[in-house]
């Protein structure tokens, strides 16, 4: 349990560092932040996001895919979850700063992130902890390789299930509550 808490803290720290660097990049190179913002809008349907259940499904399936990559990708020397958390943090930092610098009130910007983010970020972090912990169990665990693999896999699956449940709730919040709270519906 102690190792998992340390990993959780490490991943949150990496995400936070990503946010800081993302804001720094957006401040020093606004055109890069604008390009990223436009690119994300295009990827998400040209700026016209679905609403209601379709939006929920889009968010939930995308975030679950990321959680699966983090959980299983932990086997790649434990680095893939770290890279994903850093990248996601950088994207959040760049886009948040871009939207704010384009004139949106900071209150609205934060209200468009925080309600679902308080569930989504820990959920992805938990999936990453599962993946890194699985790798560490393989490397440092007790018993033969097969036993270490199974033990790490079972722990990862438990954490992944918790993460997917939290992502389900976060997607509901993001699709149905965040737009109303932030005034973007």
Protein backbone atom coordinates (compact mmCIF):
# COMPACT_ATOMS: atom_id res chain seq x y z
CA UNK A 1 0.00 0.00 0.00
CA UNK A 2 2.84 2.37 0.82
CA UNK A 3 4.40 1.87 -2.60
CA UNK A 4 1.07 2.57 -4.29
CA UNK A 5 0.63 5.82 -2.37
CA UNK A 6 4.13 6.91 -3.36
CA UNK A 7 3.39 6.07 -6.98
CA UNK A 8 0.11 8.00 -6.78
CA UNK A 9 1.96 11.04 -5.45
CA UNK A 10 4.64 10.70 -8.12
CA UNK A 11 2.09 10.55 -10.92
CA UNK A 12 0.13 13.53 -9.57
CA UNK A 13 3.44 15.42 -9.29
CA UNK A 14 4.31 14.55 -12.91
CA UNK A 15 0.86 15.71 -14.02
CA UNK A 16 1.29 18.96 -12.10
CA UNK A 17 4.73 19.50 -13.62
CA UNK A 18 3.14 18.97 -17.02
CA UNK A 19 0.56 21.67 -16.27
CA UNK A 20 3.28 24.12 -15.23
CA UNK A 21 5.34 23.41 -18.33
CA UNK A 22 2.23 23.58 -20.52
CA UNK A 23 1.36 27.01 -19.15
CA UNK A 24 4.97 28.10 -19.67
CA UNK A 25 4.94 26.91 -23.28
CA UNK A 26 1.60 28.63 -23.92
CA UNK A 27 2.90 31.89 -22.43
CA UNK A 28 6.15 31.82 -24.38
CA UNK A 29 4.65 30.50 -27.62
CA UNK A 30 0.96 31.45 -27.90
CA UNK A 31 0.81 30.19 -31.48
CA UNK A 32 1.70 26.66 -30.31
CA UNK A 33 -1.10 26.78 -27.74
CA UNK A 34 -3.52 28.07 -30.36
CA UNK A 35 -2.46 25.31 -32.77
CA UNK A 36 -2.99 22.66 -30.07
CA UNK A 37 -6.38 24.13 -29.19
CA UNK A 38 -7.50 24.10 -32.85
CA UNK A 39 -6.10 20.62 -33.36
CA UNK A 40 -8.02 19.28 -30.34
CA UNK A 41 -11.22 20.94 -31.55
CA UNK A 42 -10.76 19.32 -34.96
CA UNK A 43 -10.07 15.89 -33.45
CA UNK A 44 -13.16 16.26 -31.28
CA UNK A 45 -15.45 16.89 -34.25
CA UNK A 46 -14.50 20.27 -35.64
CA UNK A 47 -15.60 22.18 -32.58
CA UNK A 48 -19.09 20.71 -32.48
CA UNK A 49 -19.11 18.24 -29.65
CA UNK A 50 -22.06 15.95 -29.23
CA UNK A 51 -24.25 16.52 -26.22
CA UNK A 52 -25.95 14.36 -23.64
CA UNK A 53 -25.46 10.62 -23.82
CA UNK A 54 -23.28 10.77 -26.96
CA UNK A 55 -20.89 13.16 -25.21
CA UNK A 56 -20.85 10.95 -22.12
CA UNK A 57 -20.04 7.90 -24.24
CA UNK A 58 -17.29 9.72 -26.17
CA UNK A 59 -15.64 10.92 -22.95
CA UNK A 60 -16.02 7.63 -21.09
CA UNK A 61 -14.68 5.47 -23.91
CA UNK A 62 -11.74 7.78 -24.60
CA UNK A 63 -10.74 8.01 -20.94
CA UNK A 64 -11.19 4.27 -20.44
CA UNK A 65 -8.90 3.67 -23.43
CA UNK A 66 -6.27 5.91 -21.83
CA UNK A 67 -6.67 4.09 -18.50
CA UNK A 68 -6.19 0.73 -20.23
CA UNK A 69 -3.06 1.99 -21.98
CA UNK A 70 -1.70 3.25 -18.66
CA UNK A 71 -2.51 0.05 -16.79
CA UNK A 72 -1.08 -2.32 -19.38
CA UNK A 73 1.60 0.11 -20.53
CA UNK A 74 3.11 0.08 -17.06
CA UNK A 75 4.85 -3.11 -18.11
CA UNK A 76 7.04 -1.02 -20.41
CA UNK A 77 9.54 -0.37 -17.62
CA UNK A 78 6.89 1.63 -15.75
CA UNK A 79 7.45 4.72 -17.90
CA UNK A 80 4.37 4.89 -20.13
CA UNK A 81 2.00 6.01 -17.34
CA UNK A 82 4.52 8.72 -16.37
CA UNK A 83 4.70 9.96 -19.95
CA UNK A 84 0.92 9.98 -20.36
CA UNK A 85 0.38 11.89 -17.12
CA UNK A 86 3.01 14.47 -18.09
CA UNK A 87 1.57 14.86 -21.59
CA UNK A 88 -2.00 15.22 -20.30
CA UNK A 89 -0.86 17.80 -17.75
CA UNK A 90 0.95 19.77 -20.46
CA UNK A 91 -2.15 19.72 -22.67
CA UNK A 92 -4.33 20.90 -19.76
CA UNK A 93 -1.86 23.69 -18.99
CA UNK A 94 -1.54 24.86 -22.58
CA UNK A 95 -5.24 24.76 -23.39
CA UNK A 96 -6.30 26.32 -20.09
CA UNK A 97 -3.86 29.19 -20.50
CA UNK A 98 -4.85 29.65 -24.15
CA UNK A 99 -8.58 29.84 -23.35
CA UNK A 100 -7.93 32.21 -20.44
CA UNK A 101 -5.63 34.44 -22.51
CA UNK A 102 -8.28 34.52 -25.26
CA UNK A 103 -10.58 36.32 -22.83
CA UNK A 104 -12.56 33.68 -20.96
CA UNK A 105 -12.95 34.52 -17.26
CA UNK A 106 -10.74 32.36 -15.03
CA UNK A 107 -13.84 31.30 -13.06
CA UNK A 108 -15.44 29.85 -16.20
CA UNK A 109 -12.20 28.18 -17.25
CA UNK A 110 -11.77 26.51 -13.87
CA UNK A 111 -15.43 25.51 -13.66
CA UNK A 112 -15.06 23.77 -17.01
CA UNK A 113 -12.23 21.62 -15.62
CA UNK A 114 -12.58 21.09 -11.88
CA UNK A 115 -15.99 19.38 -11.47
CA UNK A 116 -15.03 16.31 -13.50
CA UNK A 117 -11.26 16.71 -13.12
CA UNK A 118 -11.39 15.91 -9.41
CA UNK A 119 -12.52 12.42 -10.42
CA UNK A 120 -10.88 11.98 -13.81
CA UNK A 121 -7.29 12.82 -12.85
CA UNK A 122 -7.22 10.54 -9.78
CA UNK A 123 -8.87 7.80 -11.85
CA UNK A 124 -6.19 7.95 -14.54
CA UNK A 125 -3.57 8.15 -11.81
CA UNK A 126 -4.94 5.00 -10.17
CA UNK A 127 -4.76 3.17 -13.52
CA UNK A 128 -1.16 4.32 -13.87
CA UNK A 129 -0.34 3.15 -10.35
CA UNK A 130 -1.72 -0.26 -11.28
CA UNK A 131 0.51 -0.46 -14.34
CA UNK A 132 3.70 0.71 -12.64
CA UNK A 133 3.02 -1.48 -9.62
CA UNK A 134 2.60 -4.49 -11.92
CA UNK A 135 6.01 -3.79 -13.46
CA UNK A 136 7.61 -3.33 -10.03
CA UNK A 137 6.05 -6.57 -8.79
CA UNK A 138 7.61 -8.38 -11.73
CA UNK A 139 11.02 -6.87 -11.01
CA UNK A 140 11.11 -6.88 -7.21
CA UNK A 141 8.37 -9.29 -6.09
CA UNK A 142 8.82 -12.62 -4.36
CA UNK A 143 8.48 -16.02 -5.97
CA UNK A 144 8.98 -17.18 -9.53
CA UNK A 145 8.22 -15.01 -12.55
CA UNK A 146 4.79 -16.54 -13.13
CA UNK A 147 3.72 -15.89 -9.52
CA UNK A 148 4.99 -12.28 -9.64
CA UNK A 149 3.25 -11.72 -12.99
CA UNK A 150 -0.09 -13.02 -11.69
CA UNK A 151 0.11 -11.11 -8.41
CA UNK A 152 0.93 -7.86 -10.21
CA UNK A 153 -1.75 -8.47 -12.81
CA UNK A 154 -4.45 -9.09 -10.17
CA UNK A 155 -3.50 -5.89 -8.33
CA UNK A 156 -3.50 -3.95 -11.58
CA UNK A 157 -6.96 -5.26 -12.49
CA UNK A 158 -8.36 -4.22 -9.11
CA UNK A 159 -6.99 -0.71 -9.52
CA UNK A 160 -8.14 -0.57 -13.15
CA UNK A 161 -11.70 -1.45 -12.10
CA UNK A 162 -11.66 1.36 -9.53
CA UNK A 163 -10.31 3.71 -12.19
CA UNK A 164 -12.99 2.74 -14.73
CA UNK A 165 -15.74 3.26 -12.16
CA UNK A 166 -14.37 6.72 -11.33
CA UNK A 167 -14.07 7.51 -15.05
CA UNK A 168 -17.71 6.50 -15.51
CA UNK A 169 -18.80 8.96 -12.83
CA UNK A 170 -16.40 11.63 -14.15
CA UNK A 171 -17.84 11.26 -17.67
CA UNK A 172 -21.36 11.68 -16.32
CA UNK A 173 -20.26 14.84 -14.52
CA UNK A 174 -18.38 16.15 -17.58
CA UNK A 175 -21.28 15.50 -19.96
CA UNK A 176 -24.23 16.54 -17.82
CA UNK A 177 -23.05 18.72 -14.92
CA UNK A 178 -19.88 20.57 -15.95
CA UNK A 179 -21.54 22.38 -18.89
CA UNK A 180 -24.30 23.70 -16.62
CA UNK A 181 -21.94 24.75 -13.80
CA UNK A 182 -19.48 26.41 -16.21
CA UNK A 183 -22.23 28.03 -18.26
CA UNK A 184 -21.17 26.34 -21.50
CA UNK A 185 -24.32 24.36 -22.24
